[in-house]
């Protein structure tokens, strides 16, 4: 879809704002983090991701205080963003005229949904609106899931919660529930533009990771580092517990900086158990190639 609202970023602008991403991109300019990284991200915790981002200087990527429509499940995907504002008749009319010229179908709230592709997460800034805040009900949720295979991060309430919960895999993070409709009170002013979701800044193409303890928006160029760091933490924890159970090392040896001897033992243990561990074999092989012990 072409630019139809004043706050959209064109493809070349998204590329300009995400210069550290060197991989594949969508036609709209968004970074296309590989599916394999997204699959591995499902096992990453919010705390692990937050630690990596904080160390890289990204301090405002996490937002809590959400309700999860599918508690206990995980949301991972690439952000497609949409910004809404309180309705202003003259501006809303202009947006509708632009949309008509560009072939947009139906109400403005459906336009971003038409742009979704598999692996996307629809991230909508509706400024935390509860009453008359629901842009999304069970019908639009069904359409979103059909297009993206994912749920949403919706900074507002949703409606039709019972119907939404009947959609398997539609793991979504929202501010609450309300039976009213948002459409008469809002207007769409941007798609694939930077957003503020609570205290977090979101760019199109960020990797969205949502778990029961909140949502974190991971810049595309740091997604692989987040995954690898999480996997290393899990492997070291598994090794440490195994060696403590065997009595080979003391808690004091494991709960501090490991000696060269323990590091070497860890490398050999990885080789010996490479097909038994909760990390892909290829990832462990890559880790071993990078280690000096």
C-alpha atoms as a PDB file:
ATOM      1  CA  UNK A   1       0.000   0.000   0.000  1.00  0.00           C
ATOM      2  CA  UNK A   2       1.263   3.473  -0.819  1.00  0.00           C
ATOM      3  CA  UNK A   3       1.650   6.256   1.678  1.00  0.00           C
ATOM      4  CA  UNK A   4      -1.826   7.438   2.708  1.00  0.00           C
ATOM      5  CA  UNK A   5      -1.304   9.277   6.005  1.00  0.00           C
ATOM      6  CA  UNK A   6       1.111  12.002   7.065  1.00  0.00           C
ATOM      7  CA  UNK A   7       2.953   9.992   9.703  1.00  0.00           C
ATOM      8  CA  UNK A   8       3.820   6.979   7.554  1.00  0.00           C
ATOM      9  CA  UNK A   9       7.425   6.166   6.827  1.00  0.00           C
ATOM     10  CA  UNK A  10       8.242   5.323   3.234  1.00  0.00           C
ATOM     11  CA  UNK A  11      10.419   2.285   2.573  1.00  0.00           C
ATOM     12  CA  UNK A  12      13.535   4.416   2.140  1.00  0.00           C
ATOM     13  CA  UNK A  13      12.788   6.203   5.420  1.00  0.00           C
ATOM     14  CA  UNK A  14      12.413   2.934   7.334  1.00  0.00           C
ATOM     15  CA  UNK A  15      15.778   1.848   5.899  1.00  0.00           C
ATOM     16  CA  UNK A  16      17.278   5.167   6.998  1.00  0.00           C
ATOM     17  CA  UNK A  17      15.943   4.753  10.544  1.00  0.00           C
ATOM     18  CA  UNK A  18      17.176   1.135  10.871  1.00  0.00           C
ATOM     19  CA  UNK A  19      20.750   1.413   9.521  1.00  0.00           C
ATOM     20  CA  UNK A  20      22.207  -1.296  11.764  1.00  0.00           C
ATOM     21  CA  UNK A  21      20.060  -3.988  10.157  1.00  0.00           C
ATOM     22  CA  UNK A  22      22.063  -5.529   7.309  1.00  0.00           C
ATOM     23  CA  UNK A  23      19.763  -8.412   6.386  1.00  0.00           C
ATOM     24  CA  UNK A  24      16.748  -8.958   4.165  1.00  0.00           C
ATOM     25  CA  UNK A  25      13.879  -6.451   4.133  1.00  0.00           C
ATOM     26  CA  UNK A  26      10.237  -6.425   3.088  1.00  0.00           C
ATOM     27  CA  UNK A  27       9.166  -4.287   0.159  1.00  0.00           C
ATOM     28  CA  UNK A  28       7.886  -1.708   2.674  1.00  0.00           C
ATOM     29  CA  UNK A  29      11.432  -1.365   4.064  1.00  0.00           C
ATOM     30  CA  UNK A  30      10.888  -3.225   7.346  1.00  0.00           C
ATOM     31  CA  UNK A  31      13.726  -5.485   8.491  1.00  0.00           C
ATOM     32  CA  UNK A  32      12.846  -9.138   7.889  1.00  0.00           C
ATOM     33  CA  UNK A  33      14.369 -11.030  10.799  1.00  0.00           C
ATOM     34  CA  UNK A  34      14.659 -14.688   9.678  1.00  0.00           C
ATOM     35  CA  UNK A  35      11.940 -17.148  10.646  1.00  0.00           C
ATOM     36  CA  UNK A  36      14.560 -19.330  12.353  1.00  0.00           C
ATOM     37  CA  UNK A  37      15.425 -16.536  14.777  1.00  0.00           C
ATOM     38  CA  UNK A  38      11.732 -15.975  15.496  1.00  0.00           C
ATOM     39  CA  UNK A  39      11.273 -19.672  16.259  1.00  0.00           C
ATOM     40  CA  UNK A  40      14.211 -19.641  18.687  1.00  0.00           C
ATOM     41  CA  UNK A  41      12.892 -16.430  20.255  1.00  0.00           C
ATOM     42  CA  UNK A  42       9.900 -18.385  21.599  1.00  0.00           C
ATOM     43  CA  UNK A  43      12.165 -19.771  24.348  1.00  0.00           C
ATOM     44  CA  UNK A  44      13.635 -16.401  25.363  1.00  0.00           C
ATOM     45  CA  UNK A  45      12.429 -14.814  28.606  1.00  0.00           C
ATOM     46  CA  UNK A  46      11.564 -11.138  28.941  1.00  0.00           C
ATOM     47  CA  UNK A  47      14.339 -10.730  31.529  1.00  0.00           C
ATOM     48  CA  UNK A  48      16.967 -12.251  29.247  1.00  0.00           C
ATOM     49  CA  UNK A  49      15.962 -10.021  26.348  1.00  0.00           C
ATOM     50  CA  UNK A  50      15.809  -6.945  28.574  1.00  0.00           C
ATOM     51  CA  UNK A  51      19.342  -7.613  29.857  1.00  0.00           C
ATOM     52  CA  UNK A  52      20.792  -7.705  26.356  1.00  0.00           C
ATOM     53  CA  UNK A  53      18.967  -4.558  25.243  1.00  0.00           C
ATOM     54  CA  UNK A  54      19.923  -2.652  28.385  1.00  0.00           C
ATOM     55  CA  UNK A  55      23.592  -3.527  27.875  1.00  0.00           C
ATOM     56  CA  UNK A  56      23.328  -2.215  24.304  1.00  0.00           C
ATOM     57  CA  UNK A  57      21.881   1.099  25.492  1.00  0.00           C
ATOM     58  CA  UNK A  58      18.209   0.388  24.686  1.00  0.00           C
ATOM     59  CA  UNK A  59      16.525   1.221  27.986  1.00  0.00           C
ATOM     60  CA  UNK A  60      12.949   1.857  26.828  1.00  0.00           C
ATOM     61  CA  UNK A  61      11.854  -1.284  24.970  1.00  0.00           C
ATOM     62  CA  UNK A  62       9.757  -3.004  27.668  1.00  0.00           C
ATOM     63  CA  UNK A  63       6.154  -2.361  28.628  1.00  0.00           C
ATOM     64  CA  UNK A  64       4.112  -4.180  31.263  1.00  0.00           C
ATOM     65  CA  UNK A  65       0.587  -3.792  32.656  1.00  0.00           C
ATOM     66  CA  UNK A  66      -0.998  -5.747  29.808  1.00  0.00           C
ATOM     67  CA  UNK A  67      -3.713  -8.362  29.935  1.00  0.00           C
ATOM     68  CA  UNK A  68      -2.933 -11.491  27.897  1.00  0.00           C
ATOM     69  CA  UNK A  69      -5.851 -13.048  26.029  1.00  0.00           C
ATOM     70  CA  UNK A  70      -4.152 -16.470  26.097  1.00  0.00           C
ATOM     71  CA  UNK A  71      -2.326 -16.683  29.449  1.00  0.00           C
ATOM     72  CA  UNK A  72       0.761 -18.880  29.522  1.00  0.00           C
ATOM     73  CA  UNK A  73       1.349 -18.657  25.770  1.00  0.00           C
ATOM     74  CA  UNK A  74       4.035 -16.660  23.942  1.00  0.00           C
ATOM     75  CA  UNK A  75       3.767 -14.049  21.175  1.00  0.00           C
ATOM     76  CA  UNK A  76       6.676 -13.582  18.753  1.00  0.00           C
ATOM     77  CA  UNK A  77       6.741 -11.775  15.413  1.00  0.00           C
ATOM     78  CA  UNK A  78       7.783  -8.716  13.417  1.00  0.00           C
ATOM     79  CA  UNK A  79       6.057  -5.447  14.228  1.00  0.00           C
ATOM     80  CA  UNK A  80       3.716  -3.756  11.769  1.00  0.00           C
ATOM     81  CA  UNK A  81       2.706  -0.538  13.506  1.00  0.00           C
ATOM     82  CA  UNK A  82      -0.431   1.591  13.390  1.00  0.00           C
ATOM     83  CA  UNK A  83      -1.048   4.904  15.139  1.00  0.00           C
ATOM     84  CA  UNK A  84      -4.496   6.185  16.064  1.00  0.00           C
ATOM     85  CA  UNK A  85      -5.505   9.565  17.495  1.00  0.00           C
ATOM     86  CA  UNK A  86      -8.755  11.096  18.786  1.00  0.00           C
ATOM     87  CA  UNK A  87     -11.043  11.804  15.870  1.00  0.00           C
ATOM     88  CA  UNK A  88     -10.797  15.241  14.233  1.00  0.00           C
ATOM     89  CA  UNK A  89     -13.373  15.568  11.432  1.00  0.00           C
ATOM     90  CA  UNK A  90     -11.317  17.543   8.926  1.00  0.00           C
ATOM     91  CA  UNK A  91      -8.282  15.280   9.255  1.00  0.00           C
ATOM     92  CA  UNK A  92     -10.368  12.100   9.282  1.00  0.00           C
ATOM     93  CA  UNK A  93     -12.085  13.197   6.059  1.00  0.00           C
ATOM     94  CA  UNK A  94      -8.710  13.787   4.402  1.00  0.00           C
ATOM     95  CA  UNK A  95      -7.496  10.335   5.432  1.00  0.00           C
ATOM     96  CA  UNK A  96     -10.643   8.730   4.036  1.00  0.00           C
ATOM     97  CA  UNK A  97     -10.246  10.567   0.727  1.00  0.00           C
ATOM     98  CA  UNK A  98      -6.615   9.469   0.453  1.00  0.00           C
ATOM     99  CA  UNK A  99      -7.559   5.904   1.279  1.00  0.00           C
ATOM    100  CA  UNK A 100     -10.285   5.855  -1.374  1.00  0.00           C
ATOM    101  CA  UNK A 101      -7.852   7.112  -4.031  1.00  0.00           C
ATOM    102  CA  UNK A 102      -5.402   4.354  -3.129  1.00  0.00           C
ATOM    103  CA  UNK A 103      -8.007   1.584  -3.168  1.00  0.00           C
ATOM    104  CA  UNK A 104      -8.235   1.014   0.586  1.00  0.00           C
ATOM    105  CA  UNK A 105     -11.324  -1.011   1.421  1.00  0.00           C
ATOM    106  CA  UNK A 106     -13.741  -0.447   4.291  1.00  0.00           C
ATOM    107  CA  UNK A 107     -13.193   1.508   7.466  1.00  0.00           C
ATOM    108  CA  UNK A 108      -9.755   2.839   8.364  1.00  0.00           C
ATOM    109  CA  UNK A 109      -9.321   0.228  11.096  1.00  0.00           C
ATOM    110  CA  UNK A 110      -9.123  -2.497   8.434  1.00  0.00           C
ATOM    111  CA  UNK A 111      -6.392  -0.824   6.347  1.00  0.00           C
ATOM    112  CA  UNK A 112      -3.367  -1.946   8.443  1.00  0.00           C
ATOM    113  CA  UNK A 113      -4.815  -5.444   8.669  1.00  0.00           C
ATOM    114  CA  UNK A 114      -4.845  -5.677   4.873  1.00  0.00           C
ATOM    115  CA  UNK A 115      -1.065  -5.026   4.936  1.00  0.00           C
ATOM    116  CA  UNK A 116      -0.162  -7.883   7.309  1.00  0.00           C
ATOM    117  CA  UNK A 117       1.885 -10.870   6.173  1.00  0.00           C
ATOM    118  CA  UNK A 118       2.769 -14.132   7.898  1.00  0.00           C
ATOM    119  CA  UNK A 119       4.936 -13.610  10.949  1.00  0.00           C
ATOM    120  CA  UNK A 120       3.791 -10.032  11.572  1.00  0.00           C
ATOM    121  CA  UNK A 121       2.457  -8.729  14.871  1.00  0.00           C
ATOM    122  CA  UNK A 122      -0.036  -5.890  14.564  1.00  0.00           C
ATOM    123  CA  UNK A 123       1.084  -3.258  17.102  1.00  0.00           C
ATOM    124  CA  UNK A 124      -1.553  -0.537  17.531  1.00  0.00           C
ATOM    125  CA  UNK A 125      -1.235   2.664  19.546  1.00  0.00           C
ATOM    126  CA  UNK A 126      -4.758   3.650  20.571  1.00  0.00           C
ATOM    127  CA  UNK A 127      -3.436   5.731  23.477  1.00  0.00           C
ATOM    128  CA  UNK A 128      -4.599   3.293  26.178  1.00  0.00           C
ATOM    129  CA  UNK A 129      -8.285   3.903  25.476  1.00  0.00           C
ATOM    130  CA  UNK A 130     -10.722   1.608  27.326  1.00  0.00           C
ATOM    131  CA  UNK A 131     -14.307   2.855  26.823  1.00  0.00           C
ATOM    132  CA  UNK A 132     -14.768   3.299  23.049  1.00  0.00           C
ATOM    133  CA  UNK A 133     -11.235   1.991  22.728  1.00  0.00           C
ATOM    134  CA  UNK A 134     -11.766  -1.400  21.094  1.00  0.00           C
ATOM    135  CA  UNK A 135     -10.559  -1.313  17.510  1.00  0.00           C
ATOM    136  CA  UNK A 136     -10.493  -5.108  17.567  1.00  0.00           C
ATOM    137  CA  UNK A 137     -13.220  -7.669  18.212  1.00  0.00           C
ATOM    138  CA  UNK A 138     -13.460 -11.347  17.337  1.00  0.00           C
ATOM    139  CA  UNK A 139     -14.158 -10.746  13.618  1.00  0.00           C
ATOM    140  CA  UNK A 140     -11.118  -8.538  13.045  1.00  0.00           C
ATOM    141  CA  UNK A 141      -9.092 -10.862  15.276  1.00  0.00           C
ATOM    142  CA  UNK A 142      -9.982 -13.726  12.928  1.00  0.00           C
ATOM    143  CA  UNK A 143      -8.888 -11.628   9.932  1.00  0.00           C
ATOM    144  CA  UNK A 144      -5.627 -10.633  11.639  1.00  0.00           C
ATOM    145  CA  UNK A 145      -4.821 -14.229  12.514  1.00  0.00           C
ATOM    146  CA  UNK A 146      -5.598 -15.406   8.988  1.00  0.00           C
ATOM    147  CA  UNK A 147      -3.160 -12.845   7.562  1.00  0.00           C
ATOM    148  CA  UNK A 148      -0.338 -13.009  10.117  1.00  0.00           C
ATOM    149  CA  UNK A 149      -0.691 -16.250  12.076  1.00  0.00           C
ATOM    150  CA  UNK A 150      -0.197 -14.096  15.175  1.00  0.00           C
ATOM    151  CA  UNK A 151      -1.999 -12.030  17.752  1.00  0.00           C
ATOM    152  CA  UNK A 152      -1.650  -8.309  18.474  1.00  0.00           C
ATOM    153  CA  UNK A 153      -0.241  -5.779  20.889  1.00  0.00           C
ATOM    154  CA  UNK A 154      -3.128  -3.373  21.319  1.00  0.00           C
ATOM    155  CA  UNK A 155      -2.647  -0.291  23.500  1.00  0.00           C
ATOM    156  CA  UNK A 156      -6.358  -0.103  24.256  1.00  0.00           C
ATOM    157  CA  UNK A 157      -9.193  -2.416  25.186  1.00  0.00           C
ATOM    158  CA  UNK A 158     -10.635  -5.108  22.922  1.00  0.00           C
ATOM    159  CA  UNK A 159     -14.165  -6.487  22.794  1.00  0.00           C
ATOM    160  CA  UNK A 160     -15.675  -9.952  22.222  1.00  0.00           C
ATOM    161  CA  UNK A 161     -13.148 -11.559  24.579  1.00  0.00           C
ATOM    162  CA  UNK A 162     -14.912 -14.921  24.544  1.00  0.00           C
ATOM    163  CA  UNK A 163     -14.673 -15.078  20.760  1.00  0.00           C
ATOM    164  CA  UNK A 164     -11.056 -13.933  20.762  1.00  0.00           C
ATOM    165  CA  UNK A 165     -10.093 -16.656  23.216  1.00  0.00           C
ATOM    166  CA  UNK A 166     -11.595 -19.244  20.867  1.00  0.00           C
ATOM    167  CA  UNK A 167      -8.950 -18.453  18.217  1.00  0.00           C
ATOM    168  CA  UNK A 168      -6.067 -20.868  18.889  1.00  0.00           C
ATOM    169  CA  UNK A 169      -2.699 -19.137  18.756  1.00  0.00           C
ATOM    170  CA  UNK A 170      -4.108 -15.603  18.777  1.00  0.00           C
ATOM    171  CA  UNK A 171      -1.906 -14.635  21.721  1.00  0.00           C
ATOM    172  CA  UNK A 172      -2.521 -10.940  22.301  1.00  0.00           C
ATOM    173  CA  UNK A 173      -1.575  -8.256  24.823  1.00  0.00           C
ATOM    174  CA  UNK A 174      -4.199  -5.603  25.484  1.00  0.00           C
ATOM    175  CA  UNK A 175      -5.108  -3.024  28.135  1.00  0.00           C
ATOM    176  CA  UNK A 176      -8.461  -4.568  29.013  1.00  0.00           C
ATOM    177  CA  UNK A 177     -11.919  -5.390  27.673  1.00  0.00           C
ATOM    178  CA  UNK A 178     -14.965  -3.269  26.868  1.00  0.00           C
ATOM    179  CA  UNK A 179     -18.112  -3.867  24.766  1.00  0.00           C
ATOM    180  CA  UNK A 180     -18.039  -0.456  23.027  1.00  0.00           C
ATOM    181  CA  UNK A 181     -16.675   0.397  19.560  1.00  0.00           C
ATOM    182  CA  UNK A 182     -13.736   2.716  18.890  1.00  0.00           C
ATOM    183  CA  UNK A 183     -14.431   3.651  15.272  1.00  0.00           C
ATOM    184  CA  UNK A 184     -16.666   6.720  15.888  1.00  0.00           C
ATOM    185  CA  UNK A 185     -14.068   8.317  18.192  1.00  0.00           C
ATOM    186  CA  UNK A 186     -10.682   7.663  16.547  1.00  0.00           C
ATOM    187  CA  UNK A 187      -8.806   8.075  13.280  1.00  0.00           C
ATOM    188  CA  UNK A 188      -5.835   6.282  11.731  1.00  0.00           C
ATOM    189  CA  UNK A 189      -2.937   8.679  11.153  1.00  0.00           C
ATOM    190  CA  UNK A 190      -0.020   6.382  10.395  1.00  0.00           C
ATOM    191  CA  UNK A 191       1.065   2.870   9.439  1.00  0.00           C
ATOM    192  CA  UNK A 192       4.644   1.607   9.693  1.00  0.00           C
ATOM    193  CA  UNK A 193       5.653   4.643  11.708  1.00  0.00           C
ATOM    194  CA  UNK A 194       7.436   4.880  15.083  1.00  0.00           C
ATOM    195  CA  UNK A 195       5.102   4.359  18.065  1.00  0.00           C
ATOM    196  CA  UNK A 196       5.101   4.863  21.798  1.00  0.00           C
ATOM    197  CA  UNK A 197       3.513   1.917  23.562  1.00  0.00           C
ATOM    198  CA  UNK A 198       3.486   2.925  27.211  1.00  0.00           C
ATOM    199  CA  UNK A 199       7.145   3.527  28.059  1.00  0.00           C
ATOM    200  CA  UNK A 200       8.493   1.697  25.003  1.00  0.00           C
ATOM    201  CA  UNK A 201       9.528   3.066  21.620  1.00  0.00           C
ATOM    202  CA  UNK A 202       8.607   0.733  18.745  1.00  0.00           C
ATOM    203  CA  UNK A 203       9.944   0.756  15.201  1.00  0.00           C
ATOM    204  CA  UNK A 204       8.417  -1.131  12.250  1.00  0.00           C
ATOM    205  CA  UNK A 205      10.200  -4.472  11.962  1.00  0.00           C
ATOM    206  CA  UNK A 206      11.129  -4.748  15.641  1.00  0.00           C
ATOM    207  CA  UNK A 207      10.785  -8.284  16.965  1.00  0.00           C
ATOM    208  CA  UNK A 208       7.880  -8.429  19.418  1.00  0.00           C
ATOM    209  CA  UNK A 209       8.241 -10.814  22.357  1.00  0.00           C
ATOM    210  CA  UNK A 210       5.211 -11.082  24.631  1.00  0.00           C
ATOM    211  CA  UNK A 211       4.948 -13.286  27.706  1.00  0.00           C
ATOM    212  CA  UNK A 212       2.879 -13.199  30.895  1.00  0.00           C
ATOM    213  CA  UNK A 213       5.261 -10.626  32.412  1.00  0.00           C
ATOM    214  CA  UNK A 214       4.881  -8.099  29.593  1.00  0.00           C
ATOM    215  CA  UNK A 215       6.024  -7.208  26.092  1.00  0.00           C
ATOM    216  CA  UNK A 216       9.478  -6.237  24.851  1.00  0.00           C
ATOM    217  CA  UNK A 217      10.240  -4.744  21.445  1.00  0.00           C
ATOM    218  CA  UNK A 218      13.636  -5.926  20.185  1.00  0.00           C
ATOM    219  CA  UNK A 219      15.439  -3.907  17.493  1.00  0.00           C
ATOM    220  CA  UNK A 220      15.935  -6.182  14.492  1.00  0.00           C
ATOM    221  CA  UNK A 221      19.732  -5.940  14.538  1.00  0.00           C
ATOM    222  CA  UNK A 222      19.813  -7.265  18.127  1.00  0.00           C
ATOM    223  CA  UNK A 223      17.371 -10.168  17.688  1.00  0.00           C
ATOM    224  CA  UNK A 224      20.038 -12.782  16.955  1.00  0.00           C
ATOM    225  CA  UNK A 225      22.168 -11.606  19.889  1.00  0.00           C
ATOM    226  CA  UNK A 226      19.178 -11.866  22.208  1.00  0.00           C
ATOM    227  CA  UNK A 227      18.506 -15.431  21.046  1.00  0.00           C
ATOM    228  CA  UNK A 228      22.136 -16.562  21.335  1.00  0.00           C
ATOM    229  CA  UNK A 229      22.551 -15.006  24.774  1.00  0.00           C
ATOM    230  CA  UNK A 230      19.398 -16.712  26.022  1.00  0.00           C
ATOM    231  CA  UNK A 231      20.533 -20.065  24.659  1.00  0.00           C
ATOM    232  CA  UNK A 232      23.954 -19.725  26.276  1.00  0.00           C
ATOM    233  CA  UNK A 233      22.357 -18.902  29.634  1.00  0.00           C
ATOM    234  CA  UNK A 234      20.120 -21.976  29.397  1.00  0.00           C
ATOM    235  CA  UNK A 235      23.008 -24.242  28.440  1.00  0.00           C
ATOM    236  CA  UNK A 236      25.230 -22.961  31.247  1.00  0.00           C
ATOM    237  CA  UNK A 237      22.403 -23.377  33.760  1.00  0.00           C
ATOM    238  CA  UNK A 238      21.764 -26.947  32.596  1.00  0.00           C
ATOM    239  CA  UNK A 239      25.477 -27.805  32.765  1.00  0.00           C
ATOM    240  CA  UNK A 240      25.902 -26.211  36.182  1.00  0.00           C
ATOM    241  CA  UNK A 241      22.954 -28.087  37.693  1.00  0.00           C
ATOM    242  CA  UNK A 242      24.154 -31.374  36.175  1.00  0.00           C
ATOM    243  CA  UNK A 243      27.657 -30.985  37.612  1.00  0.00           C
ATOM    244  CA  UNK A 244      26.287 -29.914  41.015  1.00  0.00           C
ATOM    245  CA  UNK A 245      24.042 -33.001  41.080  1.00  0.00           C
ATOM    246  CA  UNK A 246      27.063 -35.182  40.266  1.00  0.00           C
ATOM    247  CA  UNK A 247      29.093 -33.478  42.999  1.00  0.00           C
ATOM    248  CA  UNK A 248      31.888 -32.609  40.567  1.00  0.00           C
ATOM    249  CA  UNK A 249      31.900 -28.941  41.535  1.00  0.00           C
ATOM    250  CA  UNK A 250      30.820 -26.988  44.602  1.00  0.00           C
ATOM    251  CA  UNK A 251      28.157 -24.259  44.549  1.00  0.00           C
ATOM    252  CA  UNK A 252      30.926 -21.741  45.114  1.00  0.00           C
ATOM    253  CA  UNK A 253      32.652 -22.848  41.925  1.00  0.00           C
ATOM    254  CA  UNK A 254      29.489 -22.723  39.811  1.00  0.00           C
ATOM    255  CA  UNK A 255      28.007 -19.517  41.218  1.00  0.00           C
ATOM    256  CA  UNK A 256      31.005 -17.363  40.338  1.00  0.00           C
ATOM    257  CA  UNK A 257      33.110 -16.683  37.280  1.00  0.00           C
ATOM    258  CA  UNK A 258      34.075 -20.091  35.956  1.00  0.00           C
ATOM    259  CA  UNK A 259      37.674 -21.171  35.897  1.00  0.00           C
ATOM    260  CA  UNK A 260      39.369 -22.208  32.642  1.00  0.00           C
ATOM    261  CA  UNK A 261      39.015 -25.814  33.777  1.00  0.00           C
ATOM    262  CA  UNK A 262      35.234 -25.523  34.128  1.00  0.00           C
ATOM    263  CA  UNK A 263      34.976 -23.684  30.801  1.00  0.00           C
ATOM    264  CA  UNK A 264      36.834 -26.513  29.072  1.00  0.00           C
ATOM    265  CA  UNK A 265      34.615 -29.052  30.800  1.00  0.00           C
ATOM    266  CA  UNK A 266      31.552 -27.105  29.607  1.00  0.00           C
ATOM    267  CA  UNK A 267      32.746 -27.251  25.985  1.00  0.00           C
ATOM    268  CA  UNK A 268      33.322 -31.004  26.165  1.00  0.00           C
ATOM    269  CA  UNK A 269      29.941 -31.487  27.856  1.00  0.00           C
ATOM    270  CA  UNK A 270      28.263 -29.581  25.008  1.00  0.00           C
ATOM    271  CA  UNK A 271      29.903 -31.873  22.451  1.00  0.00           C
ATOM    272  CA  UNK A 272      28.917 -34.995  24.381  1.00  0.00           C
ATOM    273  CA  UNK A 273      25.268 -33.954  24.835  1.00  0.00           C
ATOM    274  CA  UNK A 274      24.672 -31.938  21.653  1.00  0.00           C
ATOM    275  CA  UNK A 275      21.606 -33.954  20.616  1.00  0.00           C
ATOM    276  CA  UNK A 276      20.040 -33.983  24.076  1.00  0.00           C
ATOM    277  CA  UNK A 277      19.925 -30.267  24.888  1.00  0.00           C
ATOM    278  CA  UNK A 278      17.001 -27.800  24.566  1.00  0.00           C
ATOM    279  CA  UNK A 279      18.860 -25.725  21.957  1.00  0.00           C
ATOM    280  CA  UNK A 280      19.121 -26.511  18.221  1.00  0.00           C
ATOM    281  CA  UNK A 281      22.165 -28.620  17.289  1.00  0.00           C
ATOM    282  CA  UNK A 282      23.250 -26.027  14.736  1.00  0.00           C
ATOM    283  CA  UNK A 283      23.210 -23.306  17.383  1.00  0.00           C
ATOM    284  CA  UNK A 284      25.389 -25.373  19.717  1.00  0.00           C
ATOM    285  CA  UNK A 285      27.843 -26.122  16.907  1.00  0.00           C
ATOM    286  CA  UNK A 286      28.079 -22.404  16.178  1.00  0.00           C
ATOM    287  CA  UNK A 287      28.633 -21.678  19.866  1.00  0.00           C
ATOM    288  CA  UNK A 288      31.414 -24.253  20.055  1.00  0.00           C
ATOM    289  CA  UNK A 289      33.136 -22.729  17.037  1.00  0.00           C
ATOM    290  CA  UNK A 290      33.129 -19.334  18.764  1.00  0.00           C
ATOM    291  CA  UNK A 291      34.495 -20.589  22.087  1.00  0.00           C
ATOM    292  CA  UNK A 292      38.195 -20.544  22.937  1.00  0.00           C
ATOM    293  CA  UNK A 293      38.029 -23.386  25.436  1.00  0.00           C
END
